[in-house]
Amino acid sequence: SWNPDTDCCDWYCVTCDSTTNRINSLTIFSGEVSGQIPPQVGDLPYLETLQFHKQPNLTGPIQPSIVKLKSLKYLRLSWTNISGTVPDFLSQLKNLTLIDLSFNNLTGSIPSSLSQLTNLDGLRLDRNKLTGHIPRSFGEFHGSVPELYLSHNQLSGNIPTSLAKLDFNRIDFSRNKLEGDASMIFGSNKTTQIVDLSRNLLEFNLSKVEFAKSLISLDINHNKITGSIPVELTQVDLQFLNVSYNRLCG
């Protein structure tokens, strides 16, 4: 419990920096937080980690006061009932290494400005109700290339060709309404490990795709992919492969 008569560094779910004694982590798992994210969270300027996880009674939009957390590195608001859009202001938090907004009720489109986060290692927007296209800017991340999880949404249109330039480690676009060619994601010169494009409307010739030697998991089931499984794929140390429910031959 949070007792105002005790040191806040001794409060449950709160961690302080041992040198400055400032709160640098607020992590609330499986609790009984209800209503909206308290705007006072933005008054913790030294906060590096903010996590609300498995909070079914947490509702409303992501508070704009979060933009004041200039030291924030790890933002996880997952398995809640927060709604509204993925806020564009997140791109102002330049120290972010992880954004996890998975398993919520977020709607609208994905802000193209997220590609401006040069320290981002992971972006999880999966299992929401997001619509629109994957931003073309996602082929132009300004720093490290993040693991990208956009599955279980209602994203549509083509995968941007700009993604051909990036060397993703893990990418999951499954269970959307994406169309057209996705072959640009692959490449023999990349270090990609996990790709899941299953249950979309993608159409390309699998025979012509070159795969990274590092690939360990490939799931492209339930699409409109043609051609045949290339011999080169047998030279990859795959641990999981699913190409079912396509238009493959041979």
Protein backbone atom coordinates (compact mmCIF):
# COMPACT_ATOMS: atom_id res chain seq x y z
CA SER A 1 0.00 0.00 0.00
CA TRP A 2 1.05 3.60 -0.57
CA ASN A 3 1.14 5.38 2.76
CA PRO A 4 1.92 9.12 2.49
CA ASP A 5 3.54 8.93 5.92
CA THR A 6 6.26 6.57 4.69
CA ASP A 7 9.14 7.00 2.27
CA CYS A 8 7.79 6.60 -1.28
CA CYS A 9 10.87 4.53 -2.12
CA ASP A 10 9.47 1.88 0.22
CA TRP A 11 6.12 1.76 -1.55
CA TYR A 12 4.95 -1.35 -3.36
CA CYS A 13 5.74 -1.28 -7.12
CA VAL A 14 8.05 1.73 -6.73
CA THR A 15 11.82 1.65 -7.23
CA CYS A 16 14.20 4.52 -6.56
CA ASP A 17 17.70 5.29 -7.74
CA SER A 18 20.09 4.32 -4.96
CA THR A 19 22.17 7.47 -5.48
CA THR A 20 19.60 10.20 -6.06
CA ASN A 21 16.70 8.61 -4.17
CA ARG A 22 14.43 9.67 -7.03
CA ILE A 23 11.69 7.37 -8.34
CA ASN A 24 12.96 5.74 -11.53
CA SER A 25 10.54 2.83 -11.90
CA LEU A 26 6.79 2.39 -11.48
CA THR A 27 5.73 -1.18 -12.22
CA ILE A 28 2.18 -2.28 -11.45
CA PHE A 29 1.33 -5.86 -12.43
CA SER A 30 -2.00 -7.62 -11.97
CA GLY A 31 -3.37 -5.04 -9.57
CA GLU A 32 -6.67 -3.29 -9.12
CA VAL A 33 -5.94 0.05 -10.75
CA SER A 34 -9.15 1.47 -12.19
CA GLY A 35 -10.02 4.52 -14.25
CA GLN A 36 -7.50 6.38 -16.35
CA ILE A 37 -3.74 6.52 -15.96
CA PRO A 38 -3.19 9.17 -13.28
CA PRO A 39 -1.89 12.37 -14.94
CA GLN A 40 0.41 12.80 -11.91
CA VAL A 41 2.59 10.08 -13.42
CA GLY A 42 3.97 12.85 -15.61
CA ASP A 43 5.33 14.57 -12.50
CA LEU A 44 8.05 11.92 -12.06
CA PRO A 45 10.82 13.45 -14.21
CA TYR A 46 13.40 10.76 -13.40
CA LEU A 47 11.16 7.85 -14.33
CA GLU A 48 12.86 5.36 -16.67
CA THR A 49 10.36 2.48 -16.46
CA LEU A 50 6.57 2.77 -16.52
CA GLN A 51 4.54 -0.42 -16.56
CA PHE A 52 0.83 -1.10 -16.13
CA HIS A 53 0.25 -4.76 -17.00
CA LYS A 54 -2.87 -6.93 -16.69
CA GLN A 55 -5.05 -4.10 -15.43
CA PRO A 56 -8.52 -4.82 -16.90
CA ASN A 57 -10.06 -1.80 -15.16
CA LEU A 58 -7.54 0.67 -16.57
CA THR A 59 -9.41 2.68 -19.21
CA GLY A 60 -9.35 5.89 -21.19
CA PRO A 61 -6.64 7.27 -23.48
CA ILE A 62 -2.90 7.32 -22.90
CA GLN A 63 -2.35 10.46 -20.86
CA PRO A 64 -0.53 13.34 -22.59
CA SER A 65 1.27 14.05 -19.30
CA ILE A 66 3.52 11.08 -20.14
CA VAL A 67 5.27 13.32 -22.66
CA LYS A 68 6.99 15.03 -19.71
CA LEU A 69 8.89 11.82 -18.87
CA LYS A 70 12.00 12.69 -20.85
CA SER A 71 14.09 9.99 -19.14
CA LEU A 72 11.64 7.20 -19.95
CA LYS A 73 13.21 4.13 -21.57
CA TYR A 74 10.66 1.38 -21.03
CA LEU A 75 6.95 1.98 -21.58
CA ARG A 76 4.63 -0.97 -21.13
CA LEU A 77 0.86 -0.51 -21.01
CA SER A 78 -0.39 -3.99 -21.86
CA TRP A 79 -3.38 -6.23 -21.20
CA THR A 80 -5.55 -3.30 -20.13
CA ASN A 81 -8.68 -1.64 -21.49
CA ILE A 82 -7.08 1.65 -22.46
CA SER A 83 -8.54 3.06 -25.67
CA GLY A 84 -8.06 5.95 -28.06
CA THR A 85 -5.17 6.24 -30.47
CA VAL A 86 -1.46 5.51 -30.29
CA PRO A 87 -0.33 9.04 -29.43
CA ASP A 88 2.00 10.86 -31.76
CA PHE A 89 3.70 12.51 -28.78
CA LEU A 90 5.51 9.26 -27.95
CA SER A 91 8.04 10.22 -30.62
CA GLN A 92 9.20 13.04 -28.32
CA LEU A 93 10.45 10.55 -25.73
CA LYS A 94 13.83 10.07 -27.36
CA ASN A 95 15.24 7.65 -24.79
CA LEU A 96 12.58 4.98 -25.31
CA THR A 97 13.98 1.52 -26.03
CA LEU A 98 10.67 -0.34 -25.74
CA ILE A 99 7.06 0.58 -26.46
CA ASP A 100 4.65 -2.20 -25.53
CA LEU A 101 1.00 -1.26 -26.02
CA SER A 102 -0.20 -4.78 -26.78
CA PHE A 103 -3.53 -6.35 -25.78
CA ASN A 104 -5.55 -3.14 -25.46
CA ASN A 105 -8.42 -1.43 -27.27
CA LEU A 106 -6.41 1.13 -29.21
CA THR A 107 -7.87 2.35 -32.50
CA GLY A 108 -6.86 4.61 -35.37
CA SER A 109 -3.65 4.52 -37.39
CA ILE A 110 -0.03 3.99 -36.40
CA PRO A 111 1.89 7.29 -36.09
CA SER A 112 4.64 7.52 -38.69
CA SER A 113 6.69 9.60 -36.25
CA LEU A 114 7.61 6.52 -34.18
CA SER A 115 10.42 5.85 -36.65
CA GLN A 116 12.18 8.93 -35.23
CA LEU A 117 12.96 7.06 -32.00
CA THR A 118 16.63 6.27 -32.50
CA ASN A 119 17.02 4.00 -29.46
CA LEU A 120 13.95 1.83 -30.02
CA ASP A 121 14.64 -1.92 -29.80
CA GLY A 122 11.07 -3.15 -29.67
CA LEU A 123 7.64 -1.92 -30.78
CA ARG A 124 4.60 -3.95 -29.75
CA LEU A 125 1.24 -2.74 -30.98
CA ASP A 126 -0.24 -6.21 -31.43
CA ARG A 127 -3.75 -7.25 -30.44
CA ASN A 128 -5.51 -3.92 -30.70
CA LYS A 129 -8.00 -2.53 -33.21
CA LEU A 130 -5.62 -0.45 -35.29
CA THR A 131 -6.52 0.42 -38.88
CA GLY A 132 -4.88 2.06 -41.86
CA HIS A 133 -1.54 1.25 -43.47
CA ILE A 134 1.85 0.39 -42.04
CA PRO A 135 3.70 3.73 -42.20
CA ARG A 136 6.21 4.08 -45.03
CA SER A 137 8.54 5.70 -42.50
CA PHE A 138 8.95 2.32 -40.80
CA GLY A 139 11.49 1.59 -43.50
CA GLU A 140 13.53 4.52 -42.24
CA PHE A 141 14.11 3.94 -38.55
CA HIS A 142 16.78 6.46 -37.60
CA GLY A 143 18.68 4.22 -35.19
CA SER A 144 18.54 0.54 -34.34
CA VAL A 145 15.92 -1.55 -36.13
CA PRO A 146 13.30 -2.63 -33.59
CA GLU A 147 11.54 -5.94 -33.28
CA LEU A 148 8.16 -5.14 -34.78
CA TYR A 149 4.89 -6.72 -33.60
CA LEU A 150 1.76 -5.45 -35.34
CA SER A 151 -0.32 -8.64 -35.40
CA HIS A 152 -4.02 -9.11 -34.63
CA ASN A 153 -5.16 -5.70 -35.84
CA GLN A 154 -7.10 -4.50 -38.88
CA LEU A 155 -4.20 -3.05 -40.85
CA SER A 156 -4.69 -2.99 -44.62
CA GLY A 157 -2.98 -2.07 -47.86
CA ASN A 158 0.48 -3.03 -49.06
CA ILE A 159 3.53 -3.53 -46.89
CA PRO A 160 5.76 -0.52 -47.69
CA THR A 161 8.62 -1.32 -50.07
CA SER A 162 10.80 0.87 -47.85
CA LEU A 163 11.01 -2.06 -45.41
CA ALA A 164 13.38 -3.75 -47.87
CA LYS A 165 16.18 -1.54 -46.56
CA LEU A 166 15.88 -2.77 -42.98
CA ASP A 167 17.38 -5.81 -41.32
CA PHE A 168 14.65 -6.86 -38.90
CA ASN A 169 15.42 -9.51 -36.30
CA ARG A 170 11.77 -10.35 -35.61
CA ILE A 171 8.70 -9.19 -37.45
CA ASP A 172 5.07 -10.19 -36.90
CA PHE A 173 2.37 -8.77 -39.16
CA SER A 174 0.01 -11.74 -38.83
CA ARG A 175 -3.78 -11.60 -38.72
CA ASN A 176 -4.35 -8.34 -40.53
CA LYS A 177 -5.70 -7.47 -43.98
CA LEU A 178 -2.39 -6.76 -45.68
CA GLU A 179 -2.19 -7.22 -49.45
CA GLY A 180 0.33 -7.54 -52.23
CA ASP A 181 4.03 -8.32 -52.14
CA ALA A 182 5.93 -9.02 -48.93
CA SER A 183 9.06 -10.54 -50.43
CA MET A 184 11.07 -7.39 -49.73
CA ILE A 185 11.13 -8.29 -46.03
CA PHE A 186 13.41 -11.22 -46.80
CA GLY A 187 16.98 -11.29 -48.09
CA SER A 188 20.01 -13.56 -47.96
CA ASN A 189 22.13 -10.71 -46.63
CA LYS A 190 19.91 -10.11 -43.59
CA THR A 191 20.03 -11.51 -40.05
CA THR A 192 16.28 -12.06 -39.71
CA GLN A 193 15.29 -14.82 -37.30
CA ILE A 194 11.48 -14.83 -37.00
CA VAL A 195 8.89 -13.80 -39.61
CA ASP A 196 5.13 -14.25 -39.20
CA LEU A 197 2.95 -12.96 -42.04
CA SER A 198 0.16 -15.50 -41.60
CA ARG A 199 -3.54 -14.87 -42.21
CA ASN A 200 -3.35 -11.90 -44.53
CA LEU A 201 -4.06 -11.41 -48.24
CA LEU A 202 -0.45 -11.38 -49.43
CA GLU A 203 0.49 -12.38 -52.98
CA PHE A 204 4.04 -13.07 -54.17
CA ASN A 205 6.12 -15.84 -55.72
CA LEU A 206 7.85 -17.79 -52.97
CA SER A 207 10.17 -19.46 -55.50
CA LYS A 208 12.01 -16.18 -56.05
CA VAL A 209 12.53 -15.27 -52.40
CA GLU A 210 16.01 -15.41 -50.86
CA PHE A 211 16.15 -16.23 -47.18
CA ALA A 212 18.57 -15.29 -44.42
CA LYS A 213 20.69 -18.15 -43.10
CA SER A 214 19.73 -17.02 -39.59
CA LEU A 215 16.00 -17.70 -40.12
CA ILE A 216 14.57 -20.05 -37.47
CA SER A 217 10.81 -19.50 -37.82
CA LEU A 218 8.70 -18.72 -40.89
CA ASP A 219 4.90 -18.62 -40.86
CA ILE A 220 3.09 -17.48 -44.00
CA ASN A 221 -0.03 -19.65 -43.79
CA HIS A 222 -3.44 -18.49 -45.08
CA ASN A 223 -2.35 -16.09 -47.82
CA LYS A 224 -2.38 -16.13 -51.64
CA ILE A 225 1.30 -16.94 -52.11
CA THR A 226 2.28 -18.79 -55.30
CA GLY A 227 5.30 -20.70 -56.58
CA SER A 228 7.05 -23.46 -54.69
CA ILE A 229 9.29 -23.85 -51.66
CA PRO A 230 12.80 -22.91 -52.85
CA VAL A 231 15.61 -25.41 -52.40
CA GLU A 232 17.60 -22.74 -50.55
CA LEU A 233 15.10 -22.91 -47.71
CA THR A 234 16.25 -26.47 -46.94
CA GLN A 235 19.70 -25.05 -46.19
CA VAL A 236 18.31 -22.87 -43.43
CA ASP A 237 18.21 -24.23 -39.88
CA LEU A 238 14.47 -23.74 -39.46
CA GLN A 239 12.79 -24.77 -36.24
CA PHE A 240 9.28 -23.86 -37.46
CA LEU A 241 7.77 -23.62 -40.94
CA ASN A 242 4.13 -23.18 -41.94
CA VAL A 243 3.26 -22.43 -45.57
CA SER A 244 -0.19 -24.06 -45.56
CA TYR A 245 -3.33 -22.65 -47.17
CA ASN A 246 -1.62 -20.84 -50.00
CA ARG A 247 -1.40 -21.46 -53.76
CA LEU A 248 1.92 -23.29 -53.80
CA CYS A 249 2.75 -26.10 -56.19
CA GLY A 250 5.42 -28.77 -56.43
